[in-house]
Amino acid sequence: GAADKATGLDIDTAKIGVARAAAEGLAARF
């Protein structure tokens, strides 16, 4: 509850794919 929405940027395509799967249902995009 410390953030309302989150956007993450990273150069590593594989890690971004992992982040997207883990954030399913949350107000987040990677």
PDB file of all heavy atoms in Angstrom:
ATOM      1  N   GLY A   1       0.791  -1.219   0.000  1.00  0.00           N
ATOM      2  CA  GLY A   1       0.000   0.000   0.000  1.00  0.00           C
ATOM      3  C   GLY A   1       0.822   1.267   0.000  1.00  0.00           C
ATOM      4  O   GLY A   1       0.299   2.356   0.229  1.00  0.00           O
ATOM      5  N   ALA A   2       2.126   1.141  -0.299  1.00  0.00           N
ATOM      6  CA  ALA A   2       3.000   2.315  -0.319  1.00  0.00           C
ATOM      7  C   ALA A   2       2.975   3.023  -1.666  1.00  0.00           C
ATOM      8  O   ALA A   2       3.476   4.140  -1.790  1.00  0.00           O
ATOM      9  CB  ALA A   2       4.436   1.902   0.012  1.00  0.00           C
ATOM     10  N   ALA A   3       2.417   2.378  -2.694  1.00  0.00           N
ATOM     11  CA  ALA A   3       2.315   2.966  -4.024  1.00  0.00           C
ATOM     12  C   ALA A   3       0.948   2.658  -4.604  1.00  0.00           C
ATOM     13  O   ALA A   3       0.342   1.626  -4.277  1.00  0.00           O
ATOM     14  CB  ALA A   3       3.409   2.413  -4.930  1.00  0.00           C
ATOM     15  N   ASP A   4       0.463   3.559  -5.466  1.00  0.00           N
ATOM     16  CA  ASP A   4      -0.834   3.350  -6.120  1.00  0.00           C
ATOM     17  C   ASP A   4      -0.671   2.631  -7.458  1.00  0.00           C
ATOM     18  O   ASP A   4      -1.464   1.753  -7.799  1.00  0.00           O
ATOM     19  CB  ASP A   4      -1.522   4.697  -6.373  1.00  0.00           C
ATOM     20  CG  ASP A   4      -1.829   5.429  -5.082  1.00  0.00           C
ATOM     21  OD1 ASP A   4      -2.108   4.765  -4.072  1.00  0.00           O
ATOM     22  OD2 ASP A   4      -1.770   6.678  -5.085  1.00  0.00           O
ATOM     23  N   LYS A   5       0.334   3.052  -8.212  1.00  0.00           N
ATOM     24  CA  LYS A   5       0.628   2.455  -9.515  1.00  0.00           C
ATOM     25  C   LYS A   5       2.137   2.369  -9.660  1.00  0.00           C
ATOM     26  O   LYS A   5       2.872   3.157  -9.036  1.00  0.00           O
ATOM     27  CB  LYS A   5       0.044   3.290 -10.657  1.00  0.00           C
ATOM     28  CG  LYS A   5      -1.471   3.400 -10.655  1.00  0.00           C
ATOM     29  CD  LYS A   5      -1.953   4.242 -11.837  1.00  0.00           C
ATOM     30  CE  LYS A   5      -3.479   4.334 -11.843  1.00  0.00           C
ATOM     31  NZ  LYS A   5      -3.976   5.160 -12.986  1.00  0.00           N
ATOM     32  N   ALA A   6       2.603   1.462 -10.488  1.00  0.00           N
ATOM     33  CA  ALA A   6       4.045   1.322 -10.681  1.00  0.00           C
ATOM     34  C   ALA A   6       4.357   1.039 -12.138  1.00  0.00           C
ATOM     35  O   ALA A   6       3.654   0.275 -12.806  1.00  0.00           O
ATOM     36  CB  ALA A   6       4.602   0.204  -9.808  1.00  0.00           C
ATOM     37  N   THR A   7       5.422   1.662 -12.602  1.00  0.00           N
ATOM     38  CA  THR A   7       5.975   1.396 -13.927  1.00  0.00           C
ATOM     39  C   THR A   7       7.442   1.043 -13.747  1.00  0.00           C
ATOM     40  O   THR A   7       8.177   1.768 -13.064  1.00  0.00           O
ATOM     41  CB  THR A   7       5.866   2.630 -14.844  1.00  0.00           C
ATOM     42  OG1 THR A   7       4.483   2.965 -15.003  1.00  0.00           O
ATOM     43  CG2 THR A   7       6.480   2.356 -16.206  1.00  0.00           C
ATOM     44  N   GLY A   8       7.862  -0.054 -14.329  1.00  0.00           N
ATOM     45  CA  GLY A   8       9.257  -0.462 -14.250  1.00  0.00           C
ATOM     46  C   GLY A   8       9.900  -0.498 -15.622  1.00  0.00           C
ATOM     47  O   GLY A   8       9.275  -0.952 -16.587  1.00  0.00           O
ATOM     48  N   LEU A   9      11.126  -0.019 -15.700  1.00  0.00           N
ATOM     49  CA  LEU A   9      11.897  -0.034 -16.942  1.00  0.00           C
ATOM     50  C   LEU A   9      13.188  -0.796 -16.714  1.00  0.00           C
ATOM     51  O   LEU A   9      13.867  -0.599 -15.710  1.00  0.00           O
ATOM     52  CB  LEU A   9      12.227   1.389 -17.407  1.00  0.00           C
ATOM     53  CG  LEU A   9      11.066   2.371 -17.609  1.00  0.00           C
ATOM     54  CD1 LEU A   9      11.614   3.717 -18.078  1.00  0.00           C
ATOM     55  CD2 LEU A   9      10.045   1.833 -18.587  1.00  0.00           C
ATOM     56  N   ASP A  10      13.545  -1.665 -17.659  1.00  0.00           N
ATOM     57  CA  ASP A  10      14.790  -2.410 -17.551  1.00  0.00           C
ATOM     58  C   ASP A  10      15.217  -2.861 -18.943  1.00  0.00           C
ATOM     59  O   ASP A  10      14.377  -3.130 -19.805  1.00  0.00           O
ATOM     60  CB  ASP A  10      14.628  -3.624 -16.633  1.00  0.00           C
ATOM     61  CG  ASP A  10      15.967  -4.135 -16.106  1.00  0.00           C
ATOM     62  OD1 ASP A  10      16.658  -4.863 -16.846  1.00  0.00           O
ATOM     63  OD2 ASP A  10      16.328  -3.774 -14.972  1.00  0.00           O
ATOM     64  N   ILE A  11      16.522  -3.004 -19.132  1.00  0.00           N
ATOM     65  CA  ILE A  11      17.054  -3.396 -20.430  1.00  0.00           C
ATOM     66  C   ILE A  11      16.955  -4.896 -20.663  1.00  0.00           C
ATOM     67  O   ILE A  11      17.034  -5.362 -21.803  1.00  0.00           O
ATOM     68  CB  ILE A  11      18.527  -2.931 -20.559  1.00  0.00           C
ATOM     69  CG1 ILE A  11      18.972  -2.939 -22.019  1.00  0.00           C
ATOM     70  CG2 ILE A  11      19.444  -3.781 -19.680  1.00  0.00           C
ATOM     71  CD1 ILE A  11      20.318  -2.284 -22.242  1.00  0.00           C
ATOM     72  N   ASP A  12      16.737  -5.673 -19.607  1.00  0.00           N
ATOM     73  CA  ASP A  12      16.748  -7.131 -19.688  1.00  0.00           C
ATOM     74  C   ASP A  12      15.358  -7.651 -20.067  1.00  0.00           C
ATOM     75  O   ASP A  12      14.440  -7.655 -19.240  1.00  0.00           O
ATOM     76  CB  ASP A  12      17.198  -7.713 -18.350  1.00  0.00           C
ATOM     77  CG  ASP A  12      17.486  -9.195 -18.415  1.00  0.00           C
ATOM     78  OD1 ASP A  12      16.707  -9.928 -19.057  1.00  0.00           O
ATOM     79  OD2 ASP A  12      18.493  -9.634 -17.818  1.00  0.00           O
ATOM     80  N   THR A  13      15.213  -8.100 -21.299  1.00  0.00           N
ATOM     81  CA  THR A  13      13.913  -8.557 -21.795  1.00  0.00           C
ATOM     82  C   THR A  13      13.361  -9.721 -20.985  1.00  0.00           C
ATOM     83  O   THR A  13      12.159  -9.779 -20.685  1.00  0.00           O
ATOM     84  CB  THR A  13      14.031  -8.965 -23.271  1.00  0.00           C
ATOM     85  OG1 THR A  13      14.513  -7.847 -24.027  1.00  0.00           O
ATOM     86  CG2 THR A  13      12.690  -9.392 -23.836  1.00  0.00           C
ATOM     87  N   ALA A  14      14.227 -10.671 -20.626  1.00  0.00           N
ATOM     88  CA  ALA A  14      13.771 -11.835 -19.869  1.00  0.00           C
ATOM     89  C   ALA A  14      13.236 -11.423 -18.503  1.00  0.00           C
ATOM     90  O   ALA A  14      12.184 -11.918 -18.050  1.00  0.00           O
ATOM     91  CB  ALA A  14      14.905 -12.839 -19.723  1.00  0.00           C
ATOM     92  N   LYS A  15      13.930 -10.530 -17.814  1.00  0.00           N
ATOM     93  CA  LYS A  15      13.474 -10.093 -16.502  1.00  0.00           C
ATOM     94  C   LYS A  15      12.154  -9.327 -16.594  1.00  0.00           C
ATOM     95  O   LYS A  15      11.290  -9.463 -15.717  1.00  0.00           O
ATOM     96  CB  LYS A  15      14.543  -9.234 -15.826  1.00  0.00           C
ATOM     97  CG  LYS A  15      15.753 -10.024 -15.359  1.00  0.00           C
ATOM     98  CD  LYS A  15      16.779  -9.131 -14.677  1.00  0.00           C
ATOM     99  CE  LYS A  15      17.977  -9.942 -14.195  1.00  0.00           C
ATOM    100  NZ  LYS A  15      19.005  -9.094 -13.551  1.00  0.00           N
ATOM    101  N   ILE A  16      11.990  -8.541 -17.638  1.00  0.00           N
ATOM    102  CA  ILE A  16      10.735  -7.815 -17.814  1.00  0.00           C
ATOM    103  C   ILE A  16       9.584  -8.804 -18.024  1.00  0.00           C
ATOM    104  O   ILE A  16       8.478  -8.618 -17.494  1.00  0.00           O
ATOM    105  CB  ILE A  16      10.829  -6.824 -18.984  1.00  0.00           C
ATOM    106  CG1 ILE A  16      11.716  -5.637 -18.599  1.00  0.00           C
ATOM    107  CG2 ILE A  16       9.443  -6.332 -19.414  1.00  0.00           C
ATOM    108  CD1 ILE A  16      11.176  -4.771 -17.479  1.00  0.00           C
ATOM    109  N   GLY A  17       9.822  -9.864 -18.765  1.00  0.00           N
ATOM    110  CA  GLY A  17       8.795 -10.885 -18.933  1.00  0.00           C
ATOM    111  C   GLY A  17       8.404 -11.515 -17.609  1.00  0.00           C
ATOM    112  O   GLY A  17       7.215 -11.747 -17.335  1.00  0.00           O
ATOM    113  N   VAL A  18       9.386 -11.802 -16.763  1.00  0.00           N
ATOM    114  CA  VAL A  18       9.126 -12.362 -15.434  1.00  0.00           C
ATOM    115  C   VAL A  18       8.316 -11.366 -14.604  1.00  0.00           C
ATOM    116  O   VAL A  18       7.356 -11.744 -13.912  1.00  0.00           O
ATOM    117  CB  VAL A  18      10.452 -12.714 -14.741  1.00  0.00           C
ATOM    118  CG1 VAL A  18      10.231 -13.034 -13.268  1.00  0.00           C
ATOM    119  CG2 VAL A  18      11.126 -13.889 -15.439  1.00  0.00           C
ATOM    120  N   ALA A  19       8.696 -10.092 -14.648  1.00  0.00           N
ATOM    121  CA  ALA A  19       7.992  -9.066 -13.880  1.00  0.00           C
ATOM    122  C   ALA A  19       6.537  -8.952 -14.312  1.00  0.00           C
ATOM    123  O   ALA A  19       5.630  -8.848 -13.464  1.00  0.00           O
ATOM    124  CB  ALA A  19       8.703  -7.720 -14.039  1.00  0.00           C
ATOM    125  N   ARG A  20       6.290  -8.976 -15.602  1.00  0.00           N
ATOM    126  CA  ARG A  20       4.913  -8.857 -16.093  1.00  0.00           C
ATOM    127  C   ARG A  20       4.051 -10.003 -15.592  1.00  0.00           C
ATOM    128  O   ARG A  20       2.904  -9.799 -15.173  1.00  0.00           O
ATOM    129  CB  ARG A  20       4.924  -8.823 -17.620  1.00  0.00           C
ATOM    130  CG  ARG A  20       5.440  -7.518 -18.213  1.00  0.00           C
ATOM    131  CD  ARG A  20       5.600  -7.641 -19.718  1.00  0.00           C
ATOM    132  NE  ARG A  20       5.992  -6.365 -20.326  1.00  0.00           N
ATOM    133  CZ  ARG A  20       6.454  -6.248 -21.572  1.00  0.00           C
ATOM    134  NH1 ARG A  20       6.594  -7.346 -22.328  1.00  0.00           N
ATOM    135  NH2 ARG A  20       6.787  -5.072 -22.052  1.00  0.00           N
ATOM    136  N   ALA A  21       4.576 -11.207 -15.638  1.00  0.00           N
ATOM    137  CA  ALA A  21       3.803 -12.358 -15.176  1.00  0.00           C
ATOM    138  C   ALA A  21       3.514 -12.258 -13.685  1.00  0.00           C
ATOM    139  O   ALA A  21       2.405 -12.558 -13.223  1.00  0.00           O
ATOM    140  CB  ALA A  21       4.555 -13.648 -15.497  1.00  0.00           C
ATOM    141  N   ALA A  22       4.507 -11.834 -12.902  1.00  0.00           N
ATOM    142  CA  ALA A  22       4.342 -11.755 -11.458  1.00  0.00           C
ATOM    143  C   ALA A  22       3.376 -10.651 -11.049  1.00  0.00           C
ATOM    144  O   ALA A  22       2.742 -10.735  -9.987  1.00  0.00           O
ATOM    145  CB  ALA A  22       5.691 -11.531 -10.794  1.00  0.00           C
ATOM    146  N   ALA A  23       3.251  -9.609 -11.859  1.00  0.00           N
ATOM    147  CA  ALA A  23       2.421  -8.454 -11.506  1.00  0.00           C
ATOM    148  C   ALA A  23       0.989  -8.580 -12.000  1.00  0.00           C
ATOM    149  O   ALA A  23       0.213  -7.626 -11.875  1.00  0.00           O
ATOM    150  CB  ALA A  23       3.049  -7.186 -12.083  1.00  0.00           C
ATOM    151  N   GLU A  24       0.599  -9.730 -12.505  1.00  0.00           N
ATOM    152  CA  GLU A  24      -0.753  -9.902 -13.030  1.00  0.00           C
ATOM    153  C   GLU A  24      -1.798  -9.491 -11.984  1.00  0.00           C
ATOM    154  O   GLU A  24      -1.735  -9.895 -10.824  1.00  0.00           O
ATOM    155  CB  GLU A  24      -0.977 -11.359 -13.425  1.00  0.00           C
ATOM    156  CG  GLU A  24      -2.327 -11.612 -14.065  1.00  0.00           C
ATOM    157  CD  GLU A  24      -2.500 -13.051 -14.493  1.00  0.00           C
ATOM    158  OE1 GLU A  24      -1.553 -13.848 -14.324  1.00  0.00           O
ATOM    159  OE2 GLU A  24      -3.591 -13.376 -15.012  1.00  0.00           O
ATOM    160  N   GLY A  25      -2.722  -8.650 -12.418  1.00  0.00           N
ATOM    161  CA  GLY A  25      -3.782  -8.192 -11.536  1.00  0.00           C
ATOM    162  C   GLY A  25      -3.446  -6.957 -10.718  1.00  0.00           C
ATOM    163  O   GLY A  25      -4.323  -6.424 -10.029  1.00  0.00           O
ATOM    164  N   LEU A  26      -2.216  -6.510 -10.790  1.00  0.00           N
ATOM    165  CA  LEU A  26      -1.801  -5.316 -10.053  1.00  0.00           C
ATOM    166  C   LEU A  26      -1.741  -4.104 -10.989  1.00  0.00           C
ATOM    167  O   LEU A  26      -1.653  -4.250 -12.209  1.00  0.00           O
ATOM    168  CB  LEU A  26      -0.425  -5.531  -9.418  1.00  0.00           C
ATOM    169  CG  LEU A  26      -0.320  -6.642  -8.375  1.00  0.00           C
ATOM    170  CD1 LEU A  26       1.124  -6.753  -7.892  1.00  0.00           C
ATOM    171  CD2 LEU A  26      -1.262  -6.392  -7.205  1.00  0.00           C
ATOM    172  N   ALA A  27      -1.757  -2.912 -10.394  1.00  0.00           N
ATOM    173  CA  ALA A  27      -1.666  -1.673 -11.181  1.00  0.00           C
ATOM    174  C   ALA A  27      -0.206  -1.406 -11.521  1.00  0.00           C
ATOM    175  O   ALA A  27       0.421  -0.466 -11.019  1.00  0.00           O
ATOM    176  CB  ALA A  27      -2.252  -0.511 -10.392  1.00  0.00           C
ATOM    177  N   ALA A  28       0.333  -2.272 -12.369  1.00  0.00           N
ATOM    178  CA  ALA A  28       1.763  -2.185 -12.704  1.00  0.00           C
ATOM    179  C   ALA A  28       1.966  -2.517 -14.165  1.00  0.00           C
ATOM    180  O   ALA A  28       1.232  -3.329 -14.747  1.00  0.00           O
ATOM    181  CB  ALA A  28       2.574  -3.153 -11.843  1.00  0.00           C
ATOM    182  N   ARG A  29       2.968  -1.879 -14.749  1.00  0.00           N
ATOM    183  CA  ARG A  29       3.385  -2.254 -16.093  1.00  0.00           C
ATOM    184  C   ARG A  29       4.908  -2.211 -16.144  1.00  0.00           C
ATOM    185  O   ARG A  29       5.546  -1.408 -15.461  1.00  0.00           O
ATOM    186  CB  ARG A  29       2.778  -1.347 -17.168  1.00  0.00           C
ATOM    187  CG  ARG A  29       3.247   0.099 -17.143  1.00  0.00           C
ATOM    188  CD  ARG A  29       2.509   0.917 -18.203  1.00  0.00           C
ATOM    189  NE  ARG A  29       2.938   2.297 -18.243  1.00  0.00           N
ATOM    190  CZ  ARG A  29       3.910   2.755 -19.049  1.00  0.00           C
ATOM    191  NH1 ARG A  29       4.517   1.934 -19.869  1.00  0.00           N
ATOM    192  NH2 ARG A  29       4.244   4.031 -19.023  1.00  0.00           N
ATOM    193  N   PHE A  30       5.466  -3.082 -16.953  1.00  0.00           N
ATOM    194  CA  PHE A  30       6.913  -3.199 -17.065  1.00  0.00           C
ATOM    195  C   PHE A  30       7.287  -3.176 -18.536  1.00  0.00           C
ATOM    196  O   PHE A  30       6.675  -3.872 -19.349  1.00  0.00           O
ATOM    197  CB  PHE A  30       7.392  -4.493 -16.393  1.00  0.00           C
ATOM    198  CG  PHE A  30       7.139  -4.509 -14.911  1.00  0.00           C
ATOM    199  CD1 PHE A  30       6.002  -5.109 -14.390  1.00  0.00           C
ATOM    200  CD2 PHE A  30       8.026  -3.900 -14.038  1.00  0.00           C
ATOM    201  CE1 PHE A  30       5.753  -5.118 -13.028  1.00  0.00           C
ATOM    202  CE2 PHE A  30       7.791  -3.894 -12.669  1.00  0.00           C
ATOM    203  CZ  PHE A  30       6.649  -4.504 -12.169  1.00  0.00           C
TER     204      PHE A  30
END
